[in-house]
Amino acid sequence: MARTGATCDYLNARRRLFLEMLAVTEDLNDALTIEEVTSDNLSIIDSLIDAREALMREIDTLDERHRADGNVAAPPDLGEQDAAGTGQSEDGIDEAVADIKRATHAMVALQQQIDQRLQRHKSRAEERVREVRLRRSSLSGYYNAEVASRPRYVDARK
């Protein structure tokens, strides 16, 4: 693959988006360190997930444009050598690819932590729902639905 200015621009834009996505993923991971999920926390988590999905769509759009311009679909591999065979990158392309790979590996590790935290929060929520159902069913044992549907005053019992 010929290393051109267009490829360098593409990789730099891709690197920028991946680094932004890494930052959002780190924020999402931090947001999930809370003990109790509230509606405020959920709105923050939801906005971070939306931001990450928007960045993913931007990366996909960038990749599609790059392919539509007749370029190779995948970025060059690390370790490709320049024309002189020195292994040095032209215009920092190898550096951009390395940054993208580092960001990707970091996001994979963070996603595993996020998945574990989400599973813990889900388990806690399910346990709370079970407790509420148990309390509700135990309370209904003391509550006669037929009598409750006909309100009476204390004086009516005399």
Protein backbone atom coordinates (compact mmCIF):
# COMPACT_ATOMS: atom_id res chain seq x y z
CA MET A 1 0.00 0.00 0.00
CA ALA A 2 1.37 3.38 -0.90
CA ARG A 3 1.57 5.66 2.05
CA THR A 4 -0.03 8.90 1.02
CA GLY A 5 -1.12 12.09 2.70
CA ALA A 6 -4.71 10.88 2.48
CA THR A 7 -3.83 7.71 4.37
CA CYS A 8 -2.01 9.73 7.01
CA ASP A 9 -5.00 12.07 7.40
CA TYR A 10 -7.33 9.08 7.62
CA LEU A 11 -5.23 7.38 10.29
CA ASN A 12 -4.83 10.57 12.30
CA ALA A 13 -8.59 11.13 12.24
CA ARG A 14 -9.13 7.48 13.19
CA ARG A 15 -6.59 7.77 16.03
CA ARG A 16 -8.33 10.90 17.35
CA LEU A 17 -11.70 9.12 17.35
CA PHE A 18 -10.30 6.01 19.03
CA LEU A 19 -8.62 8.08 21.74
CA GLU A 20 -11.89 9.96 22.33
CA MET A 21 -13.73 6.65 22.54
CA LEU A 22 -11.14 5.38 25.05
CA ALA A 23 -11.70 8.48 27.20
CA VAL A 24 -15.48 7.99 27.10
CA THR A 25 -15.07 4.29 27.94
CA GLU A 26 -12.88 5.21 30.93
CA ASP A 27 -15.56 7.68 32.08
CA LEU A 28 -18.20 4.97 31.71
CA ASN A 29 -16.10 2.55 33.74
CA ASP A 30 -15.68 5.21 36.44
CA ALA A 31 -19.41 5.95 36.42
CA LEU A 32 -20.16 2.30 37.15
CA THR A 33 -17.99 2.19 40.29
CA ILE A 34 -20.96 3.47 42.32
CA GLU A 35 -22.63 1.22 44.87
CA GLU A 36 -26.23 2.13 44.12
CA VAL A 37 -27.67 2.99 40.72
CA THR A 38 -30.03 5.96 40.78
CA SER A 39 -31.90 7.78 38.04
CA ASP A 40 -29.20 10.49 38.03
CA ASN A 41 -26.49 7.86 37.61
CA LEU A 42 -28.48 6.15 34.88
CA SER A 43 -28.77 9.36 32.88
CA ILE A 44 -24.99 9.88 33.09
CA ILE A 45 -24.33 6.26 32.11
CA ASP A 46 -26.85 6.51 29.27
CA SER A 47 -25.25 9.70 27.91
CA LEU A 48 -21.79 8.08 28.01
CA ILE A 49 -23.07 5.03 26.14
CA ASP A 50 -24.71 7.31 23.56
CA ALA A 51 -21.45 9.27 23.16
CA ARG A 52 -19.49 6.06 22.65
CA GLU A 53 -21.98 4.78 20.07
CA ALA A 54 -21.77 8.11 18.21
CA LEU A 55 -17.98 7.78 18.07
CA MET A 56 -18.32 4.23 16.74
CA ARG A 57 -20.62 5.48 13.99
CA GLU A 58 -18.11 8.23 13.16
CA ILE A 59 -15.33 5.66 12.86
CA ASP A 60 -17.51 3.48 10.61
CA THR A 61 -18.33 6.49 8.42
CA LEU A 62 -14.66 7.43 8.22
CA ASP A 63 -13.74 3.85 7.24
CA GLU A 64 -16.48 3.75 4.59
CA ARG A 65 -15.28 7.04 3.08
CA HIS A 66 -11.71 5.76 3.07
CA ARG A 67 -12.75 2.57 1.24
CA ALA A 68 -14.95 4.54 -1.18
CA ASP A 69 -11.92 6.61 -2.13
CA GLY A 70 -10.33 3.41 -3.42
CA ASN A 71 -8.03 2.86 -0.48
CA VAL A 72 -7.29 -0.43 1.20
CA ALA A 73 -9.92 -1.23 3.84
CA ALA A 74 -7.51 -1.95 6.67
CA PRO A 75 -4.82 0.39 7.95
CA PRO A 76 -1.23 -0.70 7.45
CA ASP A 77 0.18 -3.19 9.90
CA LEU A 78 2.79 -2.25 12.40
CA GLY A 79 6.13 -3.48 11.30
CA GLU A 80 5.68 -2.59 7.65
CA GLN A 81 8.91 -1.14 6.47
CA ASP A 82 9.33 2.00 4.51
CA ALA A 83 10.86 2.03 1.04
CA ALA A 84 14.39 2.18 2.49
CA GLY A 85 13.69 -0.86 4.67
CA THR A 86 14.56 0.93 7.90
CA GLY A 87 11.28 0.23 9.65
CA GLN A 88 10.82 3.94 10.32
CA SER A 89 7.39 5.33 9.58
CA GLU A 90 6.56 7.96 7.05
CA ASP A 91 4.54 10.84 8.46
CA GLY A 92 3.94 9.01 11.73
CA ILE A 93 1.66 6.37 10.22
CA ASP A 94 3.07 3.55 12.33
CA GLU A 95 2.69 5.72 15.42
CA ALA A 96 -0.97 6.35 14.59
CA VAL A 97 -1.58 2.63 14.05
CA ALA A 98 0.18 1.82 17.32
CA ASP A 99 -1.97 4.38 19.18
CA ILE A 100 -5.13 2.88 17.67
CA LYS A 101 -4.06 -0.63 18.69
CA ARG A 102 -3.20 0.49 22.24
CA ALA A 103 -6.55 2.27 22.55
CA THR A 104 -8.36 -0.81 21.25
CA HIS A 105 -6.62 -3.13 23.72
CA ALA A 106 -7.34 -0.74 26.59
CA MET A 107 -11.01 -0.51 25.57
CA VAL A 108 -11.32 -4.31 25.45
CA ALA A 109 -9.94 -4.55 29.00
CA LEU A 110 -12.22 -1.75 30.20
CA GLN A 111 -15.23 -3.35 28.51
CA GLN A 112 -14.62 -6.53 30.48
CA GLN A 113 -14.64 -4.50 33.72
CA ILE A 114 -17.77 -2.66 32.58
CA ASP A 115 -19.52 -5.95 31.81
CA GLN A 116 -18.65 -7.31 35.26
CA ARG A 117 -19.90 -4.16 36.99
CA LEU A 118 -23.11 -4.16 34.97
CA GLN A 119 -23.68 -7.80 35.88
CA ARG A 120 -23.20 -6.97 39.58
CA HIS A 121 -25.67 -4.07 39.35
CA LYS A 122 -28.15 -6.28 37.50
CA SER A 123 -27.87 -8.98 40.18
CA ARG A 124 -28.48 -6.41 42.93
CA ALA A 125 -31.50 -5.01 41.11
CA GLU A 126 -32.94 -8.50 40.63
CA GLU A 127 -32.43 -9.23 44.33
CA ARG A 128 -34.23 -6.02 45.29
CA VAL A 129 -37.14 -6.92 43.00
CA ARG A 130 -37.37 -10.35 44.66
CA GLU A 131 -37.41 -8.71 48.11
CA VAL A 132 -40.18 -6.30 47.07
CA ARG A 133 -42.25 -9.15 45.64
CA LEU A 134 -41.76 -11.19 48.80
CA ARG A 135 -42.82 -8.26 51.00
CA ARG A 136 -45.78 -7.60 48.77
CA SER A 137 -46.96 -11.21 48.88
CA SER A 138 -46.47 -11.43 52.65
CA LEU A 139 -48.42 -8.20 53.10
CA SER A 140 -51.24 -9.49 50.92
CA GLY A 141 -51.69 -12.37 53.38
CA TYR A 142 -52.80 -9.85 55.99
CA TYR A 143 -54.97 -7.92 53.60
CA ASN A 144 -58.39 -9.17 52.57
CA ALA A 145 -59.12 -7.76 49.11
CA GLU A 146 -62.92 -8.08 49.49
CA VAL A 147 -63.01 -6.14 52.74
CA ALA A 148 -60.57 -3.56 51.43
CA SER A 149 -62.77 -2.84 48.42
CA ARG A 150 -65.67 -1.78 50.72
CA PRO A 151 -64.55 1.06 52.93
CA ARG A 152 -66.33 1.38 56.29
CA TYR A 153 -66.28 3.86 59.01
CA VAL A 154 -65.64 2.81 62.55
CA ASP A 155 -69.18 3.93 63.48
CA ALA A 156 -70.69 1.48 61.01
CA ARG A 157 -69.41 -1.42 63.09
CA LYS A 158 -71.39 -0.42 66.20
